[in-house]
């Protein structure tokens, strides 16, 4: 926990820029842009950070809607704060990126106000495409987060209860394309080879194996193509699927099972089959108790009701960051109602007054946590020790 004077200054800095962040959140909500097309959203955020004094790189890391803002006050540790801003097709900001992306921006603006309090570097990293193929995956692979003392962001939640971190499942995505032989569905059906039947059998085979899935394995699939007219045997059909496991190491076992099901379906229906990856792997979360305990204490000091970190219920590219440096993604409740993510109802909740209050609270927590990392060498060492120990344990468990 930081001292009272620091806490007072953080509160004042957050309040100073709160209206700017509220307007940003409302603008993002009103003009949602889906993954990879966040052109106006990224421009708005970059302009705000640039006016505040951050040295901006835009575009960044080979992605036209990614950015990095840098505030350097001297030689010292580095802290990254991530900003998300992509929306969901047809739903808008049903995952709350407008709200918690603006929360990160608010923390960034506060840290600029407080630059006299620390020596080191703040990097504000705009991470697009979280809902699609995860820009943080590419950034992590390219070493963007290597050597950081900590990387952080906060995610929107509901139900009136917040959590100090988010657990996550590893995820791998595939497109499976079956090829057969077209033929008239009645006059010459025996000459046909139904790619659609192969796709359906592939999903059937996966379902047949579900009772033998290892704990923490989940497979979800949709058929993406299967003919254009009912009186022709379909010669093309596709399946897009994602499978999630408890750790990166167990992805290979799940992949082996899925590949066998795809090959078996193709053989049984005399069809061809090709598999291709649809995205980079989303990693599970390497948790850092030192960071979680500090966030828990900060939430408590600000009157936020919390509960323990729940079992993983999804995936996030923040997991890939957590394999590179100590990382954390607390969940802050933006509404007392229990509303599911990825819904229009949740999107509407992000622009209510309760959500704005949560934004300010969350920005205070992130700002205080960043200052703690930058100013407290003993705390940094504990976070690094926790990170290395848990990373090593996870790797040995593969």
Protein backbone atom coordinates (compact mmCIF):
# COMPACT_ATOMS: atom_id res chain seq x y z
CA UNK A 1 0.00 0.00 0.00
CA UNK A 2 1.22 3.49 -0.80
CA UNK A 3 1.45 6.31 1.76
CA UNK A 4 -1.44 8.72 2.31
CA UNK A 5 0.17 11.64 0.49
CA UNK A 6 0.75 9.51 -2.59
CA UNK A 7 -2.81 8.20 -2.43
CA UNK A 8 -4.13 11.77 -2.19
CA UNK A 9 -2.12 12.90 -5.20
CA UNK A 10 -3.25 9.88 -7.21
CA UNK A 11 -6.89 10.63 -6.42
CA UNK A 12 -6.45 14.27 -7.50
CA UNK A 13 -4.69 13.28 -10.72
CA UNK A 14 -7.40 10.78 -11.62
CA UNK A 15 -10.16 13.28 -10.87
CA UNK A 16 -8.42 15.90 -13.01
CA UNK A 17 -8.63 13.71 -16.11
CA UNK A 18 -11.77 11.73 -15.31
CA UNK A 19 -14.05 13.74 -17.60
CA UNK A 20 -11.66 13.25 -20.53
CA UNK A 21 -11.71 9.48 -19.96
CA UNK A 22 -15.50 9.46 -19.63
CA UNK A 23 -15.88 11.25 -22.96
CA UNK A 24 -13.43 8.81 -24.58
CA UNK A 25 -15.38 5.81 -23.28
CA UNK A 26 -18.65 7.27 -24.57
CA UNK A 27 -17.08 8.02 -27.97
CA UNK A 28 -15.76 4.47 -28.29
CA UNK A 29 -19.16 3.11 -27.29
CA UNK A 30 -20.95 5.28 -29.86
CA UNK A 31 -18.59 4.31 -32.69
CA UNK A 32 -17.52 0.70 -32.04
CA UNK A 33 -14.83 -0.68 -34.31
CA UNK A 34 -14.23 -4.42 -34.61
CA UNK A 35 -10.89 -6.18 -34.29
CA UNK A 36 -8.25 -4.96 -36.71
CA UNK A 37 -10.39 -2.02 -37.82
CA UNK A 38 -9.94 0.24 -34.77
CA UNK A 39 -8.67 3.12 -36.92
CA UNK A 40 -10.61 6.01 -35.39
CA UNK A 41 -10.49 4.54 -31.88
CA UNK A 42 -6.70 4.25 -31.92
CA UNK A 43 -6.32 7.76 -33.38
CA UNK A 44 -8.42 9.26 -30.58
CA UNK A 45 -6.41 7.54 -27.87
CA UNK A 46 -3.06 8.38 -29.46
CA UNK A 47 -4.06 12.05 -29.74
CA UNK A 48 -4.97 12.16 -26.04
CA UNK A 49 -1.71 10.57 -24.94
CA UNK A 50 0.36 12.73 -27.26
CA UNK A 51 -1.22 15.92 -25.94
CA UNK A 52 -0.47 14.74 -22.41
CA UNK A 53 3.23 14.43 -23.23
CA UNK A 54 3.80 10.79 -24.14
CA UNK A 55 6.25 10.07 -26.95
CA UNK A 56 4.10 8.06 -29.34
CA UNK A 57 4.88 5.27 -31.81
CA UNK A 58 1.90 4.82 -34.11
CA UNK A 59 1.50 2.44 -35.85
CA UNK A 60 3.41 0.01 -33.65
CA UNK A 61 4.77 -3.53 -33.95
CA UNK A 62 3.65 -3.85 -37.57
CA UNK A 63 -0.03 -3.33 -36.76
CA UNK A 64 -1.80 -0.24 -38.11
CA UNK A 65 -4.06 0.21 -35.07
CA UNK A 66 -1.50 -0.58 -32.35
CA UNK A 67 0.53 2.07 -30.54
CA UNK A 68 3.06 2.64 -27.79
CA UNK A 69 3.39 5.75 -25.67
CA UNK A 70 6.53 6.25 -23.58
CA UNK A 71 7.15 8.39 -20.52
CA UNK A 72 10.72 8.19 -19.27
CA UNK A 73 11.81 10.08 -16.18
CA UNK A 74 15.28 8.60 -15.88
CA UNK A 75 17.05 5.31 -15.42
CA UNK A 76 14.92 2.77 -13.61
CA UNK A 77 12.39 -0.06 -13.92
CA UNK A 78 9.81 -0.26 -16.70
CA UNK A 79 6.08 -0.72 -16.30
CA UNK A 80 3.61 -1.42 -19.11
CA UNK A 81 -0.07 -0.44 -19.03
CA UNK A 82 -2.21 -2.05 -21.74
CA UNK A 83 -5.14 -0.41 -23.53
CA UNK A 84 -7.88 -2.40 -25.33
CA UNK A 85 -10.43 -0.79 -27.66
CA UNK A 86 -11.85 -3.30 -30.17
CA UNK A 87 -15.55 -4.15 -30.24
CA UNK A 88 -17.57 -7.24 -31.12
CA UNK A 89 -19.40 -7.65 -34.45
CA UNK A 90 -23.13 -6.83 -34.19
CA UNK A 91 -22.87 -6.30 -30.42
CA UNK A 92 -20.56 -3.34 -29.99
CA UNK A 93 -18.58 -3.02 -26.76
CA UNK A 94 -20.12 -6.04 -25.09
CA UNK A 95 -16.79 -6.89 -23.47
CA UNK A 96 -16.36 -3.40 -22.01
CA UNK A 97 -13.21 -2.44 -23.90
CA UNK A 98 -14.49 1.11 -24.26
CA UNK A 99 -14.71 1.34 -20.47
CA UNK A 100 -11.59 -0.44 -19.31
CA UNK A 101 -9.55 0.81 -22.26
CA UNK A 102 -10.43 4.34 -21.15
CA UNK A 103 -9.61 3.29 -17.59
CA UNK A 104 -6.05 2.49 -18.71
CA UNK A 105 -5.84 5.82 -20.51
CA UNK A 106 -7.00 7.57 -17.35
CA UNK A 107 -4.24 5.83 -15.38
CA UNK A 108 -1.75 6.89 -18.05
CA UNK A 109 -2.84 10.53 -17.79
CA UNK A 110 -2.57 10.36 -13.99
CA UNK A 111 0.93 8.87 -14.16
CA UNK A 112 2.03 11.75 -16.39
CA UNK A 113 0.82 14.16 -13.68
CA UNK A 114 2.78 12.18 -11.08
CA UNK A 115 6.06 11.82 -12.99
CA UNK A 116 7.95 13.63 -10.24
CA UNK A 117 7.25 10.69 -7.92
CA UNK A 118 9.28 8.04 -9.74
CA UNK A 119 12.36 7.33 -11.80
CA UNK A 120 11.82 4.87 -14.59
CA UNK A 121 9.68 4.29 -17.68
CA UNK A 122 5.96 3.98 -18.28
CA UNK A 123 4.87 2.38 -21.56
CA UNK A 124 1.24 2.70 -22.57
CA UNK A 125 0.64 -0.04 -25.12
CA UNK A 126 -2.39 -0.01 -27.40
CA UNK A 127 -3.31 -3.66 -28.01
CA UNK A 128 -5.96 -4.13 -30.73
CA UNK A 129 -7.66 -7.31 -31.94
CA UNK A 130 -8.15 -8.90 -28.51
CA UNK A 131 -11.46 -10.36 -29.66
CA UNK A 132 -9.96 -11.90 -32.81
CA UNK A 133 -6.35 -13.03 -32.83
CA UNK A 134 -4.82 -11.08 -29.96
CA UNK A 135 -2.27 -8.34 -30.74
CA UNK A 136 -0.55 -9.05 -27.43
CA UNK A 137 0.36 -12.50 -28.75
CA UNK A 138 2.41 -10.97 -31.56
CA UNK A 139 3.85 -8.33 -29.26
CA UNK A 140 4.92 -10.95 -26.72
CA UNK A 141 6.51 -13.09 -29.45
CA UNK A 142 8.47 -10.05 -30.64
CA UNK A 143 9.82 -9.28 -27.17
CA UNK A 144 7.80 -6.13 -26.49
CA UNK A 145 7.29 -7.08 -22.83
CA UNK A 146 10.67 -8.63 -22.12
CA UNK A 147 12.48 -7.08 -19.17
CA UNK A 148 9.49 -5.22 -17.74
CA UNK A 149 9.09 -5.08 -13.97
CA UNK A 150 5.33 -5.47 -14.47
CA UNK A 151 2.61 -5.30 -17.11
CA UNK A 152 -0.95 -4.51 -16.16
CA UNK A 153 -4.46 -3.65 -17.25
CA UNK A 154 -7.92 -4.04 -15.77
CA UNK A 155 -10.93 -5.79 -17.29
CA UNK A 156 -14.61 -5.00 -16.91
CA UNK A 157 -16.88 -7.33 -14.97
CA UNK A 158 -20.30 -7.32 -13.31
CA UNK A 159 -22.21 -8.46 -10.27
CA UNK A 160 -20.88 -5.91 -7.79
CA UNK A 161 -17.81 -8.01 -6.87
CA UNK A 162 -14.28 -7.49 -8.20
CA UNK A 163 -11.28 -9.84 -8.34
CA UNK A 164 -7.55 -9.21 -8.03
CA UNK A 165 -6.72 -11.10 -11.22
CA UNK A 166 -8.11 -13.20 -14.03
CA UNK A 167 -7.21 -16.85 -14.51
CA UNK A 168 -7.18 -18.00 -18.14
CA UNK A 169 -7.15 -21.08 -20.33
CA UNK A 170 -4.75 -21.69 -23.19
CA UNK A 171 -6.41 -21.62 -26.61
CA UNK A 172 -5.56 -22.81 -30.11
CA UNK A 173 -7.71 -22.23 -33.18
CA UNK A 174 -8.01 -24.22 -36.41
CA UNK A 175 -9.89 -24.08 -39.68
CA UNK A 176 -10.58 -27.60 -41.00
CA UNK A 177 -11.54 -27.77 -44.68
CA UNK A 178 -13.03 -30.92 -46.20
CA UNK A 179 -13.10 -31.51 -49.95
CA UNK A 180 -15.31 -34.07 -51.67
CA UNK A 181 -16.95 -34.65 -55.05
CA UNK A 182 -20.04 -32.78 -56.23
CA UNK A 183 -22.86 -34.76 -57.84
CA UNK A 184 -26.61 -34.55 -58.37
CA UNK A 185 -28.21 -35.44 -55.05
CA UNK A 186 -30.62 -37.95 -56.67
CA UNK A 187 -29.66 -38.73 -60.25
CA UNK A 188 -26.04 -39.55 -59.45
CA UNK A 189 -25.66 -39.40 -55.68
CA UNK A 190 -23.39 -42.49 -55.69
CA UNK A 191 -20.82 -40.50 -57.59
CA UNK A 192 -20.66 -37.86 -54.92
CA UNK A 193 -18.50 -37.57 -51.82
CA UNK A 194 -20.14 -35.26 -49.28
CA UNK A 195 -17.74 -32.80 -47.68
CA UNK A 196 -20.62 -31.66 -45.49
CA UNK A 197 -21.12 -35.20 -44.17
CA UNK A 198 -17.39 -35.31 -43.35
CA UNK A 199 -17.62 -32.01 -41.48
CA UNK A 200 -20.63 -33.24 -39.51
CA UNK A 201 -18.92 -36.54 -38.70
CA UNK A 202 -15.82 -34.65 -37.54
CA UNK A 203 -17.91 -32.78 -34.98
CA UNK A 204 -19.69 -36.02 -34.04
CA UNK A 205 -16.34 -37.70 -33.36
CA UNK A 206 -15.22 -34.85 -31.11
CA UNK A 207 -18.50 -35.09 -29.22
CA UNK A 208 -18.02 -38.86 -28.85
CA UNK A 209 -14.72 -38.24 -27.08
CA UNK A 210 -16.00 -35.60 -24.66
CA UNK A 211 -16.64 -38.09 -21.84
CA UNK A 212 -12.91 -38.88 -21.92
CA UNK A 213 -11.66 -35.29 -22.03
CA UNK A 214 -9.06 -34.40 -19.43
CA UNK A 215 -10.19 -31.81 -16.87
CA UNK A 216 -9.96 -28.30 -18.26
CA UNK A 217 -10.33 -29.27 -21.94
CA UNK A 218 -13.03 -27.50 -23.96
CA UNK A 219 -13.78 -27.68 -27.69
CA UNK A 220 -16.18 -25.40 -29.55
CA UNK A 221 -16.86 -25.61 -33.29
CA UNK A 222 -19.07 -24.22 -36.02
CA UNK A 223 -19.64 -25.32 -39.63
CA UNK A 224 -18.60 -22.44 -41.89
CA UNK A 225 -19.65 -23.87 -45.25
CA UNK A 226 -21.50 -26.87 -46.59
CA UNK A 227 -22.94 -26.35 -50.03
CA UNK A 228 -25.10 -23.76 -51.74
CA UNK A 229 -28.07 -25.78 -53.00
CA UNK A 230 -29.82 -28.83 -51.57
CA UNK A 231 -29.92 -30.88 -54.80
CA UNK A 232 -26.12 -31.07 -55.12
CA UNK A 233 -23.82 -33.18 -52.94
CA UNK A 234 -21.53 -30.54 -51.33
CA UNK A 235 -17.92 -30.85 -52.43
CA UNK A 236 -16.67 -28.24 -49.95
CA UNK A 237 -17.33 -27.78 -46.26
CA UNK A 238 -15.46 -26.10 -43.46
CA UNK A 239 -15.30 -26.23 -39.70
CA UNK A 240 -13.79 -23.55 -37.52
CA UNK A 241 -12.97 -24.60 -34.01
CA UNK A 242 -11.17 -23.49 -30.89
CA UNK A 243 -9.94 -25.74 -28.14
CA UNK A 244 -8.90 -24.64 -24.70
CA UNK A 245 -6.81 -26.41 -22.09
CA UNK A 246 -5.54 -25.69 -18.60
CA UNK A 247 -1.99 -24.94 -19.77
CA UNK A 248 0.09 -24.40 -22.88
CA UNK A 249 1.66 -27.81 -22.44
CA UNK A 250 -1.64 -29.67 -22.70
CA UNK A 251 -2.60 -28.04 -26.02
CA UNK A 252 -0.56 -30.65 -27.90
CA UNK A 253 -2.57 -33.56 -26.45
CA UNK A 254 -5.87 -31.92 -27.38
CA UNK A 255 -4.57 -31.13 -30.85
CA UNK A 256 -3.61 -34.77 -31.38
CA UNK A 257 -7.12 -35.90 -30.49
CA UNK A 258 -8.75 -33.32 -32.77
CA UNK A 259 -6.46 -34.16 -35.68
CA UNK A 260 -7.33 -37.85 -35.38
CA UNK A 261 -11.05 -37.03 -35.42
CA UNK A 262 -10.62 -34.89 -38.54
CA UNK A 263 -8.60 -37.58 -40.34
CA UNK A 264 -11.07 -40.28 -39.31
CA UNK A 265 -14.02 -38.31 -40.65
CA UNK A 266 -12.23 -37.66 -43.94
CA UNK A 267 -11.29 -41.33 -44.36
CA UNK A 268 -14.79 -42.55 -43.53
CA UNK A 269 -16.42 -40.25 -46.09
CA UNK A 270 -13.71 -40.57 -48.80
CA UNK A 271 -12.91 -36.86 -48.59
CA UNK A 272 -9.80 -34.77 -48.48
CA UNK A 273 -8.95 -32.72 -45.40
CA UNK A 274 -6.69 -29.77 -44.63
CA UNK A 275 -6.09 -28.08 -41.28
CA UNK A 276 -4.75 -24.56 -40.84
CA UNK A 277 -4.21 -22.39 -37.79
CA UNK A 278 -6.53 -19.40 -37.45
CA UNK A 279 -4.54 -17.49 -34.84
CA UNK A 280 -1.54 -17.66 -32.57
CA UNK A 281 -1.88 -19.59 -29.33
CA UNK A 282 -3.47 -17.77 -26.42
CA UNK A 283 -1.54 -18.69 -23.27
CA UNK A 284 -2.85 -19.44 -19.82
CA UNK A 285 -2.10 -16.92 -17.07
CA UNK A 286 1.05 -17.09 -14.96
CA UNK A 287 -0.18 -15.62 -11.71
CA UNK A 288 1.97 -13.47 -9.43
CA UNK A 289 0.80 -13.52 -5.80
CA UNK A 290 2.74 -10.37 -4.87
CA UNK A 291 0.81 -8.36 -7.46
CA UNK A 292 -2.51 -9.98 -6.59
CA UNK A 293 -2.09 -9.30 -2.87
CA UNK A 294 -1.29 -5.64 -3.54
CA UNK A 295 -4.33 -5.22 -5.79
CA UNK A 296 -6.51 -6.93 -3.19
CA UNK A 297 -5.26 -4.47 -0.57
CA UNK A 298 -5.81 -1.50 -2.87
CA UNK A 299 -9.36 -2.60 -3.69
CA UNK A 300 -10.08 -2.98 0.02
CA UNK A 301 -8.66 0.47 0.82
CA UNK A 302 -11.01 2.00 -1.77
CA UNK A 303 -14.08 0.19 -0.47
CA UNK A 304 -14.35 -2.27 -3.37
CA UNK A 305 -15.98 -5.59 -2.53
CA UNK A 306 -13.83 -8.50 -3.73
CA UNK A 307 -13.90 -12.26 -3.98
CA UNK A 308 -11.15 -14.81 -4.73
CA UNK A 309 -9.95 -15.26 -8.30
CA UNK A 310 -12.40 -17.62 -9.98
CA UNK A 311 -11.44 -20.71 -12.02
CA UNK A 312 -10.65 -19.87 -15.64
CA UNK A 313 -13.74 -19.30 -17.76
CA UNK A 314 -12.13 -18.07 -20.97
CA UNK A 315 -8.94 -16.99 -22.66
CA UNK A 316 -7.06 -13.73 -23.06
CA UNK A 317 -3.91 -12.62 -24.86
CA UNK A 318 -2.83 -11.13 -21.53
CA UNK A 319 -1.78 -14.69 -20.76
CA UNK A 320 0.96 -14.41 -23.38
CA UNK A 321 2.24 -11.28 -21.67
CA UNK A 322 2.32 -13.18 -18.37
CA UNK A 323 4.86 -15.64 -19.82
CA UNK A 324 7.25 -12.73 -20.47
CA UNK A 325 7.10 -10.63 -17.30
CA UNK A 326 5.09 -10.29 -14.08
CA UNK A 327 1.59 -9.44 -15.31
CA UNK A 328 -1.85 -8.93 -13.86
CA UNK A 329 -5.37 -8.26 -15.12
CA UNK A 330 -7.79 -7.52 -12.27
CA UNK A 331 -11.53 -7.69 -12.90
CA UNK A 332 -13.47 -4.64 -11.74
CA UNK A 333 -17.23 -4.75 -11.47
CA UNK A 334 -18.81 -1.89 -13.41
CA UNK A 335 -22.41 -2.76 -12.47
CA UNK A 336 -24.17 -4.38 -9.55
CA UNK A 337 -26.30 -6.37 -11.97
CA UNK A 338 -25.08 -9.81 -12.96
CA UNK A 339 -24.76 -9.33 -16.72
CA UNK A 340 -22.94 -11.70 -19.05
CA UNK A 341 -20.03 -10.39 -21.09
CA UNK A 342 -20.36 -10.26 -24.89
CA UNK A 343 -23.96 -9.05 -24.74
CA UNK A 344 -25.69 -5.83 -25.74
CA UNK A 345 -26.87 -5.49 -22.15
CA UNK A 346 -23.27 -5.38 -20.92
CA UNK A 347 -22.37 -2.85 -23.61
CA UNK A 348 -25.16 -0.56 -22.37
CA UNK A 349 -23.92 -0.93 -18.79
CA UNK A 350 -20.53 0.54 -19.74
CA UNK A 351 -21.94 4.04 -20.23
CA UNK A 352 -23.95 4.28 -17.01
CA UNK A 353 -22.84 6.38 -14.03
CA UNK A 354 -21.96 3.28 -11.98
CA UNK A 355 -19.47 2.24 -14.66
CA UNK A 356 -17.89 5.70 -14.67
CA UNK A 357 -17.36 5.50 -10.91
CA UNK A 358 -15.76 2.07 -11.35
CA UNK A 359 -13.51 3.51 -14.06
CA UNK A 360 -12.12 6.11 -11.68
CA UNK A 361 -11.62 3.55 -8.93
CA UNK A 362 -9.87 1.16 -11.29
CA UNK A 363 -7.60 3.91 -12.61
CA UNK A 364 -6.58 4.74 -9.04
CA UNK A 365 -5.72 1.08 -8.42
CA UNK A 366 -3.62 0.77 -11.59
CA UNK A 367 -1.84 4.07 -10.90
CA UNK A 368 -1.03 3.11 -7.33
CA UNK A 369 0.14 -0.33 -8.40
CA UNK A 370 2.41 1.13 -11.09
CA UNK A 371 3.92 3.54 -8.58
CA UNK A 372 4.48 0.70 -6.11
CA UNK A 373 6.37 -1.29 -8.73
CA UNK A 374 8.45 1.71 -9.79
CA UNK A 375 9.34 2.92 -6.29
CA UNK A 376 9.64 -0.21 -4.14
CA UNK A 377 12.63 -2.39 -5.01
CA UNK A 378 11.75 -5.04 -2.45
CA UNK A 379 8.26 -5.33 -3.89
CA UNK A 380 9.66 -5.61 -7.42
CA UNK A 381 11.96 -8.41 -6.32
CA UNK A 382 9.09 -10.30 -4.68
CA UNK A 383 7.01 -9.98 -7.85
CA UNK A 384 9.92 -11.19 -9.99
CA UNK A 385 10.58 -14.12 -7.64
CA UNK A 386 6.90 -15.13 -7.72
CA UNK A 387 6.82 -14.82 -11.50
CA UNK A 388 9.93 -16.92 -12.07
CA UNK A 389 8.87 -19.61 -9.60
CA UNK A 390 5.39 -20.01 -11.09
CA UNK A 391 6.65 -19.84 -14.67
CA UNK A 392 9.23 -22.54 -13.95
CA UNK A 393 6.64 -24.72 -12.25
CA UNK A 394 4.26 -24.37 -15.19
CA UNK A 395 6.95 -25.21 -17.74
CA UNK A 396 8.10 -28.27 -15.77
CA UNK A 397 4.50 -29.43 -15.65
CA UNK A 398 4.25 -29.56 -19.46
